[in-house]
Amino acid sequence: MGINPFHFKLKNVSGTEQRVLSALFDFLPKTGMREKFREAVLEALTKNLGIETAYNLEAVNQGSFDSFIRKLPDAAVLVVLGMAPREGRIVVEIDEHLAALFIEKLLGGTAETFPTPKPLSDTEQGVLQYLILQLLAHMYRLCGNDARLHFRFEKFVFQPKALKGVVSENDNVSALTVKVTVGKLDGFVRLYIPSPLIEQQYLNIQAKGEAREAEREYIMDRLEEFGFVTVPLWAEAGQTTITAGDMKNLEVGDVIIFDATQLMLTNTGPSGRVVLRTGEGRHGGFISEVMALPRKIQCRIVDVKKGEDIISK
């Protein structure tokens, strides 16, 4: 019996795409908010709509903003959100049927089927805007003083062509398709987040003087859970390159000069900086200032070292 190989036809995902998707989570402070975010959104929806609500992320796609805009219907319910203090905007597409259901429920309706979608009046726009503001306010209260961004409602757009200038057509965007279940009815919400906005990587970099006390406390609490783990700790004083031939000829007492180091010997002992590493040191370490004491060396951590590359001079 012959065996025919099966070839998977999977789309290649670039490293940049993976970093962009990972960065989406960095809109929330690293204080356990990622785990609580879902519950907070559902609580706000259920409270305001008066009916059990659920949502699930169904798909994540990436492409140019123009390619997504061309697929939108001529009549759509689009929300433009600002992201203070960063530049850039997020566009949210709400299923017309779902938008009509939101408005129906907010006005006290008891419809068991989707209302017929129609152009929204000023009053209906105000009702839908109220729900969006309630969701944003709930997110803000959840994050408190640790919020990295403040999402702000800017405007409704009801025709795709009106989005011109909101996001550059040539910008790549990450499109998140979310299925929303209201009672027994399903609709969708799609978020278009410009990749350049995510790739700025400002969110993970703590500015000088910026206080992220809650994030620091959260990390320390998590680290304490691993307090029982013992690992070797060693200080990397510098690095140099030695060939196999050099290694073969080394003898006890030979002196090796570092090619790269921030450590020096003074009259009072070693001074400068070393990198504290654990294990094989393949995942970075801590840059530390060295202070020589009478019977020991003290290392004060001043920064984080990523990767295996050598200490820069």
Protein backbone atom coordinates (compact mmCIF):
# COMPACT_ATOMS: atom_id res chain seq x y z
CA MET A 1 0.00 0.00 0.00
CA GLY A 2 1.49 3.31 -1.11
CA ILE A 3 1.77 6.29 1.21
CA ASN A 4 1.11 9.74 -0.17
CA PRO A 5 2.71 12.60 1.78
CA PHE A 6 0.38 15.37 2.91
CA HIS A 7 1.70 18.90 2.47
CA PHE A 8 0.28 21.52 4.77
CA LYS A 9 -0.59 24.74 2.97
CA LEU A 10 -0.16 27.12 5.85
CA LYS A 11 0.32 30.84 5.50
CA ASN A 12 3.77 32.02 6.55
CA VAL A 13 3.72 34.43 9.46
CA SER A 14 6.69 36.80 9.54
CA GLY A 15 8.53 37.78 12.67
CA THR A 16 7.22 41.33 12.27
CA GLU A 17 3.63 40.08 12.16
CA GLN A 18 4.19 38.05 15.32
CA ARG A 19 5.64 41.07 17.11
CA VAL A 20 2.69 43.21 16.02
CA LEU A 21 0.17 40.68 17.33
CA SER A 22 2.08 40.36 20.59
CA ALA A 23 2.18 44.14 20.95
CA LEU A 24 -1.62 44.31 20.80
CA PHE A 25 -1.71 43.09 24.39
CA ASP A 26 0.57 45.92 25.51
CA PHE A 27 -2.28 48.42 25.34
CA LEU A 28 -3.16 47.14 28.82
CA PRO A 29 -0.93 47.62 31.87
CA LYS A 30 0.90 44.51 33.01
CA THR A 31 -0.92 44.25 36.32
CA GLY A 32 -3.17 41.29 35.60
CA MET A 33 -5.49 43.47 33.49
CA ARG A 34 -5.16 41.15 30.52
CA GLU A 35 -6.83 38.40 32.48
CA LYS A 36 -9.53 40.72 33.86
CA PHE A 37 -10.21 42.61 30.64
CA ARG A 38 -12.69 40.08 29.24
CA GLU A 39 -14.72 40.01 32.44
CA ALA A 40 -14.82 43.82 32.56
CA VAL A 41 -16.10 44.15 28.98
CA LEU A 42 -18.78 41.48 29.49
CA GLU A 43 -19.85 43.09 32.76
CA ALA A 44 -20.28 46.48 31.07
CA LEU A 45 -22.20 45.01 28.10
CA THR A 46 -24.52 42.88 30.23
CA LYS A 47 -25.20 45.72 32.66
CA ASN A 48 -26.14 48.21 29.94
CA LEU A 49 -27.95 45.88 27.56
CA GLY A 50 -29.86 44.05 30.30
CA ILE A 51 -29.23 40.64 28.73
CA GLU A 52 -26.48 38.04 28.92
CA THR A 53 -23.70 38.89 26.50
CA ALA A 54 -20.57 37.07 25.36
CA TYR A 55 -17.79 37.61 22.84
CA ASN A 56 -14.94 35.63 21.28
CA LEU A 57 -12.03 36.59 19.07
CA GLU A 58 -12.65 34.67 15.84
CA ALA A 59 -9.84 35.79 13.55
CA VAL A 60 -6.85 38.09 13.21
CA ASN A 61 -5.83 39.24 9.73
CA GLN A 62 -3.21 41.65 8.51
CA GLY A 63 -3.04 43.69 5.35
CA SER A 64 -3.20 47.23 3.99
CA PHE A 65 -5.95 49.46 5.30
CA ASP A 66 -7.09 50.08 1.74
CA SER A 67 -7.60 46.34 1.14
CA PHE A 68 -9.99 46.16 4.10
CA ILE A 69 -11.81 49.38 3.22
CA ARG A 70 -12.61 48.08 -0.27
CA LYS A 71 -14.44 45.13 1.30
CA LEU A 72 -16.73 47.26 3.43
CA PRO A 73 -20.37 47.72 2.36
CA ASP A 74 -21.44 51.12 1.04
CA ALA A 75 -23.43 51.68 4.25
CA ALA A 76 -21.58 50.75 7.44
CA VAL A 77 -21.42 51.68 11.12
CA LEU A 78 -17.84 52.74 11.79
CA VAL A 79 -16.41 54.26 14.96
CA VAL A 80 -13.18 56.26 15.06
CA LEU A 81 -11.28 56.10 18.35
CA GLY A 82 -8.32 58.26 19.32
CA MET A 83 -5.52 56.87 21.49
CA ALA A 84 -4.20 59.70 23.65
CA PRO A 85 -1.39 60.48 24.17
CA ARG A 86 -0.23 58.57 21.05
CA GLU A 87 -0.86 59.66 17.52
CA GLY A 88 -3.00 57.42 15.35
CA ARG A 89 -6.53 56.09 15.42
CA ILE A 90 -8.38 52.81 15.65
CA VAL A 91 -11.39 52.14 13.42
CA VAL A 92 -14.15 49.89 14.78
CA GLU A 93 -16.68 48.34 12.40
CA ILE A 94 -19.96 47.28 14.02
CA ASP A 95 -22.28 44.89 12.22
CA GLU A 96 -25.32 46.96 11.19
CA HIS A 97 -27.69 44.35 12.62
CA LEU A 98 -25.73 44.25 15.87
CA ALA A 99 -25.72 48.05 16.13
CA ALA A 100 -29.49 48.09 15.66
CA LEU A 101 -29.85 45.41 18.38
CA PHE A 102 -27.65 47.40 20.78
CA ILE A 103 -29.86 50.46 20.31
CA GLU A 104 -33.04 48.39 20.70
CA LYS A 105 -31.86 46.89 23.99
CA LEU A 106 -30.58 50.20 25.35
CA LEU A 107 -33.99 51.74 24.72
CA GLY A 108 -35.69 48.94 26.65
CA GLY A 109 -36.81 46.84 23.69
CA THR A 110 -37.46 43.11 24.03
CA ALA A 111 -36.85 42.03 20.42
CA GLU A 112 -35.94 38.35 20.02
CA THR A 113 -34.71 38.86 16.45
CA PHE A 114 -32.43 41.41 14.82
CA PRO A 115 -34.18 44.73 14.09
CA THR A 116 -34.09 45.80 10.45
CA PRO A 117 -30.97 47.97 9.99
CA LYS A 118 -31.54 51.52 8.76
CA PRO A 119 -29.67 54.83 8.77
CA LEU A 120 -29.22 55.95 12.36
CA SER A 121 -30.96 59.10 13.52
CA ASP A 122 -29.15 61.62 15.73
CA THR A 123 -30.91 60.14 18.77
CA GLU A 124 -29.90 56.58 17.84
CA GLN A 125 -26.31 57.71 17.28
CA GLY A 126 -26.36 59.24 20.75
CA VAL A 127 -27.66 55.99 22.26
CA LEU A 128 -24.94 53.92 20.54
CA GLN A 129 -22.30 56.47 21.53
CA TYR A 130 -23.46 56.14 25.14
CA LEU A 131 -22.76 52.38 25.06
CA ILE A 132 -19.31 52.94 23.56
CA LEU A 133 -18.47 55.57 26.20
CA GLN A 134 -19.64 53.23 28.94
CA LEU A 135 -17.28 50.53 27.67
CA LEU A 136 -14.36 52.97 27.47
CA ALA A 137 -15.13 54.29 30.96
CA HIS A 138 -15.24 50.75 32.33
CA MET A 139 -11.82 50.02 30.78
CA TYR A 140 -10.44 53.24 32.25
CA ARG A 141 -11.72 52.42 35.73
CA LEU A 142 -10.25 48.94 35.44
CA CYS A 143 -6.78 50.24 34.56
CA GLY A 144 -6.94 53.27 36.86
CA ASN A 145 -3.74 55.27 37.12
CA ASP A 146 -1.84 52.48 35.36
CA ALA A 147 -3.57 53.01 31.99
CA ARG A 148 -0.99 53.25 29.21
CA LEU A 149 -3.44 54.74 26.73
CA HIS A 150 -6.76 56.55 26.90
CA PHE A 151 -9.16 55.52 24.15
CA ARG A 152 -11.38 58.44 23.15
CA PHE A 153 -14.47 58.46 21.00
CA GLU A 154 -13.98 60.85 18.08
CA LYS A 155 -16.83 60.31 15.64
CA PHE A 156 -19.12 57.98 13.73
CA VAL A 157 -18.55 57.31 10.04
CA PHE A 158 -21.27 55.71 7.92
CA GLN A 159 -19.52 55.46 4.55
CA PRO A 160 -16.12 53.86 3.93
CA LYS A 161 -14.99 56.72 1.69
CA ALA A 162 -15.36 59.08 4.67
CA LEU A 163 -12.44 57.25 6.36
CA LYS A 164 -9.99 58.87 3.98
CA GLY A 165 -7.32 60.56 6.05
CA VAL A 166 -8.28 58.80 9.29
CA VAL A 167 -5.73 56.04 8.61
CA SER A 168 -3.24 56.09 5.74
CA GLU A 169 -4.46 53.78 2.97
CA ASN A 170 -0.98 52.29 2.59
CA ASP A 171 -0.56 51.53 6.29
CA ASN A 172 -0.74 47.90 7.31
CA VAL A 173 -3.41 47.16 9.88
CA SER A 174 -4.25 44.27 12.15
CA ALA A 175 -7.95 43.42 11.76
CA LEU A 176 -9.45 41.64 14.77
CA THR A 177 -12.82 40.00 14.09
CA VAL A 178 -14.83 39.49 17.27
CA LYS A 179 -18.09 37.53 17.41
CA VAL A 180 -20.54 39.12 19.86
CA THR A 181 -23.46 37.10 21.23
CA VAL A 182 -26.39 39.03 22.69
CA GLY A 183 -28.86 36.56 24.14
CA LYS A 184 -29.24 34.04 21.32
CA LEU A 185 -28.23 36.39 18.51
CA ASP A 186 -24.74 36.63 17.01
CA GLY A 187 -23.14 39.59 15.30
CA PHE A 188 -19.60 40.84 14.80
CA VAL A 189 -17.35 43.74 15.61
CA ARG A 190 -14.11 44.27 13.71
CA LEU A 191 -11.24 46.42 14.97
CA TYR A 192 -8.70 47.87 12.55
CA ILE A 193 -5.50 48.77 14.40
CA PRO A 194 -2.70 50.37 12.33
CA SER A 195 0.52 48.38 12.60
CA PRO A 196 2.78 51.48 12.67
CA LEU A 197 0.93 52.54 15.81
CA ILE A 198 1.71 49.19 17.44
CA GLU A 199 5.26 49.03 16.13
CA GLN A 200 6.19 52.29 17.82
CA GLN A 201 6.88 50.05 20.82
CA TYR A 202 6.48 53.03 23.14
CA LEU A 203 4.13 51.12 25.40
CA ASN A 204 6.75 48.77 26.84
CA ILE A 205 9.38 51.46 27.33
CA GLN A 206 9.16 53.22 30.64
CA ALA A 207 9.96 56.90 30.21
CA LYS A 208 12.39 58.61 32.56
CA GLY A 209 10.50 59.66 35.66
CA GLU A 210 7.44 57.61 34.71
CA ALA A 211 5.96 55.72 37.65
CA ARG A 212 4.67 52.22 37.02
CA GLU A 213 4.53 51.17 40.64
CA ALA A 214 1.53 48.86 40.19
CA GLU A 215 3.23 47.00 37.32
CA ARG A 216 6.43 46.65 39.34
CA GLU A 217 4.53 45.32 42.36
CA TYR A 218 2.61 42.88 40.16
CA ILE A 219 5.84 41.51 38.65
CA MET A 220 7.46 41.15 42.07
CA ASP A 221 4.41 39.29 43.39
CA ARG A 222 4.60 36.90 40.45
CA LEU A 223 8.34 36.38 40.93
CA GLU A 224 7.80 35.48 44.59
CA GLU A 225 5.81 32.46 43.41
CA PHE A 226 9.13 31.05 42.17
CA GLY A 227 11.07 31.82 45.33
CA PHE A 228 11.69 28.12 45.95
CA VAL A 229 13.64 27.73 42.67
CA THR A 230 17.44 27.82 43.00
CA VAL A 231 19.59 28.81 40.02
CA PRO A 232 23.28 29.55 39.56
CA LEU A 233 24.11 33.27 39.38
CA TRP A 234 27.31 34.48 37.78
CA ALA A 235 28.82 37.80 36.80
CA GLU A 236 30.11 38.35 33.28
CA ALA A 237 33.07 40.70 33.55
CA GLY A 238 33.64 40.90 29.78
CA GLN A 239 33.95 38.93 26.59
CA THR A 240 36.68 37.96 24.16
CA THR A 241 37.12 35.69 21.16
CA ILE A 242 39.37 32.62 21.43
CA THR A 243 39.91 30.16 18.58
CA ALA A 244 40.07 26.42 19.01
CA GLY A 245 43.82 26.58 18.52
CA ASP A 246 44.16 29.19 21.25
CA MET A 247 42.12 27.04 23.61
CA LYS A 248 44.42 24.09 22.96
CA ASN A 249 47.51 26.08 23.87
CA LEU A 250 46.15 27.69 27.04
CA GLU A 251 48.02 26.91 30.25
CA VAL A 252 47.46 27.63 33.91
CA GLY A 253 48.44 31.21 34.68
CA ASP A 254 47.89 32.56 31.15
CA VAL A 255 46.33 36.02 31.00
CA ILE A 256 43.40 36.64 28.67
CA ILE A 257 42.57 40.23 27.70
CA PHE A 258 38.90 41.07 27.26
CA ASP A 259 37.87 42.53 23.88
CA ALA A 260 34.84 44.14 25.47
CA THR A 261 34.35 45.04 29.10
CA GLN A 262 33.17 47.85 31.33
CA LEU A 263 35.14 46.53 34.31
CA MET A 264 38.53 47.86 35.37
CA LEU A 265 40.97 47.29 38.21
CA THR A 266 41.74 50.23 40.49
CA ASN A 267 43.77 50.69 43.64
CA THR A 268 40.70 49.85 45.71
CA GLY A 269 39.65 46.85 43.64
CA PRO A 270 37.43 46.19 40.64
CA SER A 271 35.19 49.03 39.47
CA GLY A 272 32.72 49.51 36.63
CA ARG A 273 29.93 47.29 35.39
CA VAL A 274 29.25 43.59 34.94
CA VAL A 275 26.28 41.60 33.66
CA LEU A 276 24.62 39.27 36.14
CA ARG A 277 23.36 36.15 34.37
CA THR A 278 21.67 32.92 35.41
CA GLY A 279 22.02 29.46 33.93
CA GLU A 280 23.71 29.63 30.53
CA GLY A 281 22.93 33.33 30.26
CA ARG A 282 21.21 32.96 26.90
CA HIS A 283 18.21 35.11 27.81
CA GLY A 284 19.90 38.29 28.90
CA GLY A 285 20.76 39.48 32.38
CA PHE A 286 21.05 42.52 34.61
CA ILE A 287 23.60 45.27 34.07
CA SER A 288 25.08 46.00 37.48
CA GLU A 289 27.48 48.54 38.92
CA VAL A 290 30.31 46.96 40.92
CA MET A 291 31.39 48.27 44.31
CA ALA A 292 34.36 46.72 46.11
CA LEU A 293 33.87 46.24 49.86
CA PRO A 294 36.51 44.93 52.31
CA ARG A 295 35.50 41.26 52.08
CA LYS A 296 33.01 41.13 49.21
CA ILE A 297 31.91 42.64 45.92
CA GLN A 298 28.56 44.38 45.83
CA CYS A 299 26.55 44.60 42.57
CA ARG A 300 23.77 47.17 42.19
CA ILE A 301 21.34 46.44 39.33
CA VAL A 302 20.90 49.49 37.09
CA ASP A 303 19.45 48.14 33.83
CA VAL A 304 18.34 45.05 31.91
CA LYS A 305 20.50 43.33 29.30
CA LYS A 306 18.68 41.51 26.51
CA GLY A 307 20.14 38.63 24.53
CA GLU A 308 23.68 37.32 24.35
CA ASP A 309 25.42 40.26 22.66
CA ILE A 310 28.47 41.71 24.36
CA ILE A 311 28.54 44.70 26.66
CA SER A 312 28.83 47.87 24.65
CA LYS A 313 31.75 50.10 25.53
